[in-house]
N, C-alpha and C. Protein backbone atom coordinates (compact mmCIF):
# COMPACT_ATOMS: atom_id res chain seq x y z
N MET A 1 -65.67 94.98 -129.97
CA MET A 1 -65.91 93.78 -130.74
C MET A 1 -65.89 92.50 -129.86
N PHE A 2 -64.82 92.44 -128.96
CA PHE A 2 -64.55 91.26 -128.31
C PHE A 2 -65.63 90.99 -127.01
N ILE A 3 -66.10 92.32 -126.65
CA ILE A 3 -67.10 92.27 -125.48
C ILE A 3 -68.36 91.79 -126.20
N ALA A 4 -68.72 92.26 -127.25
CA ALA A 4 -69.93 91.83 -128.16
C ALA A 4 -70.05 90.38 -128.34
N LEU A 5 -68.89 89.81 -128.76
CA LEU A 5 -68.71 88.58 -129.15
C LEU A 5 -68.80 87.55 -127.71
N THR A 6 -68.22 87.97 -126.68
CA THR A 6 -68.25 87.33 -125.49
C THR A 6 -69.81 87.32 -124.99
N ILE A 7 -70.52 88.31 -124.97
CA ILE A 7 -71.92 88.37 -124.62
C ILE A 7 -72.70 87.46 -125.66
N LEU A 8 -72.44 87.54 -126.80
CA LEU A 8 -73.23 86.70 -127.78
C LEU A 8 -72.83 85.12 -127.47
N ASP A 9 -71.69 84.71 -127.08
CA ASP A 9 -71.19 83.48 -126.74
C ASP A 9 -71.90 82.99 -125.47
N VAL A 10 -71.99 83.98 -124.54
CA VAL A 10 -72.73 83.55 -123.29
C VAL A 10 -74.14 83.30 -123.60
N LEU A 11 -74.66 84.30 -124.32
CA LEU A 11 -76.11 84.09 -124.65
C LEU A 11 -76.44 82.65 -125.40
N ILE A 12 -75.66 82.47 -126.44
CA ILE A 12 -75.71 81.09 -127.05
C ILE A 12 -75.70 79.91 -126.11
N ALA A 13 -74.60 79.88 -125.21
CA ALA A 13 -74.49 78.93 -124.34
C ALA A 13 -75.77 78.77 -123.55
N CYS A 14 -76.34 79.82 -122.88
CA CYS A 14 -77.51 79.87 -122.13
C CYS A 14 -78.80 79.15 -123.04
N GLY A 15 -78.74 79.48 -124.31
CA GLY A 15 -79.74 78.92 -125.09
C GLY A 15 -79.65 77.44 -125.38
N LEU A 16 -78.37 77.01 -125.64
CA LEU A 16 -77.92 75.67 -125.83
C LEU A 16 -78.36 74.86 -124.41
N ILE A 17 -78.04 75.23 -123.36
CA ILE A 17 -78.47 74.67 -122.20
C ILE A 17 -79.82 74.55 -121.98
N ALA A 18 -80.58 75.55 -122.04
CA ALA A 18 -82.01 75.48 -122.12
C ALA A 18 -82.68 74.49 -123.10
N THR A 19 -82.24 74.24 -124.34
CA THR A 19 -82.77 73.65 -125.35
C THR A 19 -82.50 72.03 -125.02
N VAL A 20 -81.20 71.86 -124.43
CA VAL A 20 -81.01 70.33 -124.16
C VAL A 20 -81.73 69.98 -122.96
N LEU A 21 -81.92 71.00 -122.05
CA LEU A 21 -82.75 70.66 -120.82
C LEU A 21 -84.20 70.41 -121.13
N LEU A 22 -84.71 71.02 -122.13
CA LEU A 22 -86.14 70.90 -122.50
C LEU A 22 -86.33 69.69 -123.23
N GLN A 23 -85.45 68.90 -123.83
CA GLN A 23 -85.74 67.94 -124.56
C GLN A 23 -86.18 66.75 -123.60
N SER A 24 -87.03 65.85 -124.26
CA SER A 24 -87.57 64.67 -123.30
C SER A 24 -86.33 63.80 -123.33
N GLY A 25 -86.21 63.23 -122.01
CA GLY A 25 -85.10 62.19 -121.88
C GLY A 25 -85.43 60.80 -122.37
N LYS A 26 -84.41 60.05 -122.48
CA LYS A 26 -84.58 58.60 -122.99
C LYS A 26 -84.98 57.69 -121.55
N SER A 27 -85.62 56.57 -121.79
CA SER A 27 -86.15 55.76 -120.85
C SER A 27 -84.89 55.09 -120.16
N ALA A 28 -84.89 55.13 -118.70
CA ALA A 28 -83.69 54.69 -118.15
C ALA A 28 -83.89 53.12 -117.77
N GLY A 29 -82.79 52.60 -117.55
CA GLY A 29 -82.79 51.18 -117.23
C GLY A 29 -82.47 50.23 -118.49
N LEU A 30 -82.36 48.96 -118.12
CA LEU A 30 -82.23 48.02 -119.10
C LEU A 30 -83.29 47.93 -120.17
N SER A 31 -84.62 47.97 -119.80
CA SER A 31 -85.63 48.03 -120.66
C SER A 31 -85.66 49.15 -121.56
N GLY A 32 -85.08 50.22 -121.21
CA GLY A 32 -85.18 51.51 -121.80
C GLY A 32 -84.06 51.39 -123.04
N SER A 33 -82.97 50.77 -122.51
CA SER A 33 -81.96 50.54 -123.54
C SER A 33 -82.16 49.68 -124.80
N ILE A 34 -82.93 48.64 -124.30
CA ILE A 34 -83.62 47.64 -125.31
C ILE A 34 -84.52 48.35 -126.20
N ALA A 35 -85.54 49.14 -125.63
CA ALA A 35 -86.50 49.79 -126.42
C ALA A 35 -85.79 50.82 -127.34
N GLY A 36 -84.84 51.57 -126.69
CA GLY A 36 -84.05 52.52 -127.51
C GLY A 36 -83.44 52.06 -128.80
N GLY A 37 -82.74 50.80 -128.45
CA GLY A 37 -82.21 50.14 -129.64
C GLY A 37 -83.10 49.65 -130.63
N ALA A 38 -84.21 49.17 -130.23
CA ALA A 38 -85.28 48.85 -131.22
C ALA A 38 -85.71 50.06 -131.99
N ASP A 39 -85.92 51.09 -131.41
CA ASP A 39 -86.37 52.31 -132.04
C ASP A 39 -85.27 52.80 -133.13
N ALA A 40 -84.12 52.67 -132.65
CA ALA A 40 -83.04 53.07 -133.71
C ALA A 40 -82.85 52.05 -134.76
N LEU A 41 -83.25 50.79 -134.48
CA LEU A 41 -83.18 49.67 -135.61
C LEU A 41 -84.32 49.92 -136.65
N PHE A 42 -85.43 50.12 -136.06
CA PHE A 42 -86.60 50.30 -136.98
C PHE A 42 -87.10 51.64 -137.28
N GLY A 43 -86.21 52.61 -137.10
CA GLY A 43 -86.26 54.07 -137.37
C GLY A 43 -87.41 54.83 -136.75
N GLY A 44 -87.44 54.65 -135.36
CA GLY A 44 -88.29 55.54 -134.62
C GLY A 44 -88.04 56.85 -134.69
N LYS A 45 -88.92 57.76 -134.84
CA LYS A 45 -88.39 59.27 -134.90
C LYS A 45 -89.15 60.02 -133.71
N LYS A 46 -88.41 61.09 -133.43
CA LYS A 46 -89.03 62.07 -132.53
C LYS A 46 -90.13 62.98 -133.26
N LYS A 47 -90.97 63.38 -132.56
CA LYS A 47 -92.17 63.97 -133.14
C LYS A 47 -92.31 65.41 -132.30
N GLY A 48 -92.91 66.48 -133.20
CA GLY A 48 -93.26 67.49 -132.59
C GLY A 48 -92.16 68.48 -131.91
N LEU A 49 -92.30 68.81 -130.66
CA LEU A 49 -91.49 69.64 -130.06
C LEU A 49 -89.96 68.95 -130.01
N ASP A 50 -89.91 67.80 -129.76
CA ASP A 50 -88.55 67.11 -129.64
C ASP A 50 -87.75 67.34 -130.87
N GLU A 51 -88.32 67.20 -131.98
CA GLU A 51 -87.74 67.33 -133.26
C GLU A 51 -87.43 68.81 -133.54
N LEU A 52 -88.14 69.76 -133.22
CA LEU A 52 -87.81 71.17 -133.25
C LEU A 52 -86.62 71.47 -132.34
N LEU A 53 -86.87 70.88 -131.08
CA LEU A 53 -85.73 71.38 -130.05
C LEU A 53 -84.36 70.55 -130.49
N GLY A 54 -84.44 69.48 -131.19
CA GLY A 54 -83.08 68.85 -131.72
C GLY A 54 -82.44 69.78 -132.75
N LYS A 55 -83.38 70.17 -133.74
CA LYS A 55 -82.78 71.06 -134.66
C LYS A 55 -82.20 72.44 -134.07
N ILE A 56 -82.85 73.01 -133.25
CA ILE A 56 -82.41 74.20 -132.57
C ILE A 56 -81.00 73.92 -131.81
N THR A 57 -80.90 72.73 -131.03
CA THR A 57 -79.70 72.43 -130.43
C THR A 57 -78.57 72.35 -131.41
N LYS A 58 -78.73 71.72 -132.60
CA LYS A 58 -77.78 71.48 -133.64
C LYS A 58 -77.22 72.85 -133.97
N VAL A 59 -78.13 73.86 -134.24
CA VAL A 59 -77.77 75.13 -134.82
C VAL A 59 -77.08 75.92 -133.71
N LEU A 60 -77.53 76.01 -132.53
CA LEU A 60 -77.00 76.56 -131.34
C LEU A 60 -75.53 75.94 -131.04
N ALA A 61 -75.49 74.80 -131.20
CA ALA A 61 -74.11 74.10 -131.06
C ALA A 61 -73.02 74.57 -131.96
N ALA A 62 -73.48 74.60 -133.24
CA ALA A 62 -72.59 75.11 -134.38
C ALA A 62 -72.31 76.46 -134.19
N ALA A 63 -73.26 77.33 -133.81
CA ALA A 63 -72.89 78.74 -133.32
C ALA A 63 -71.95 78.96 -132.43
N PHE A 64 -72.24 78.18 -131.44
CA PHE A 64 -71.32 78.33 -130.21
C PHE A 64 -69.95 77.88 -130.66
N MET A 65 -69.70 76.88 -131.27
CA MET A 65 -68.37 76.60 -131.65
C MET A 65 -67.81 77.51 -132.60
N VAL A 66 -68.53 78.16 -133.50
CA VAL A 66 -67.93 79.20 -134.32
C VAL A 66 -67.55 80.39 -133.69
N VAL A 67 -68.46 80.77 -132.66
CA VAL A 67 -68.25 82.08 -131.91
C VAL A 67 -66.97 81.87 -130.88
N SER A 68 -67.11 80.69 -130.48
CA SER A 68 -65.82 80.33 -129.44
C SER A 68 -64.48 80.45 -130.38
N LEU A 69 -64.47 79.89 -131.54
CA LEU A 69 -63.28 79.90 -132.24
C LEU A 69 -62.76 81.29 -132.68
N VAL A 70 -63.73 82.05 -133.00
CA VAL A 70 -63.51 83.49 -133.40
C VAL A 70 -63.06 84.17 -132.12
N LEU A 71 -63.67 83.89 -130.92
CA LEU A 71 -63.06 84.64 -129.68
C LEU A 71 -61.68 84.20 -129.50
N ALA A 72 -61.25 82.74 -129.59
CA ALA A 72 -59.95 82.46 -129.44
C ALA A 72 -58.99 82.99 -130.43
N PHE A 73 -59.26 83.27 -131.65
CA PHE A 73 -58.62 83.93 -132.53
C PHE A 73 -58.40 85.37 -132.31
N PHE A 74 -59.13 86.07 -131.80
CA PHE A 74 -59.01 87.56 -131.41
C PHE A 74 -58.28 87.69 -130.12
N GLN A 75 -58.12 86.68 -129.14
CA GLN A 75 -57.57 86.79 -128.05
C GLN A 75 -56.25 87.00 -127.98
């Protein structure tokens, strides 16, 4: 049971890393921070693949936390 959970935890961690790296980055520099602030103020939304990757990231992060807590409990 412990080995299976450890393998699952590693697979979830790899998936989480992959989804974070596949997301498009924010613009860098001062102009990027101003434009990013304007998007947040006026409700700019991610579209398409970024939105899907954002949802997958949230699910994998929650799964990683739960599996890690279960592993810590069984140890």
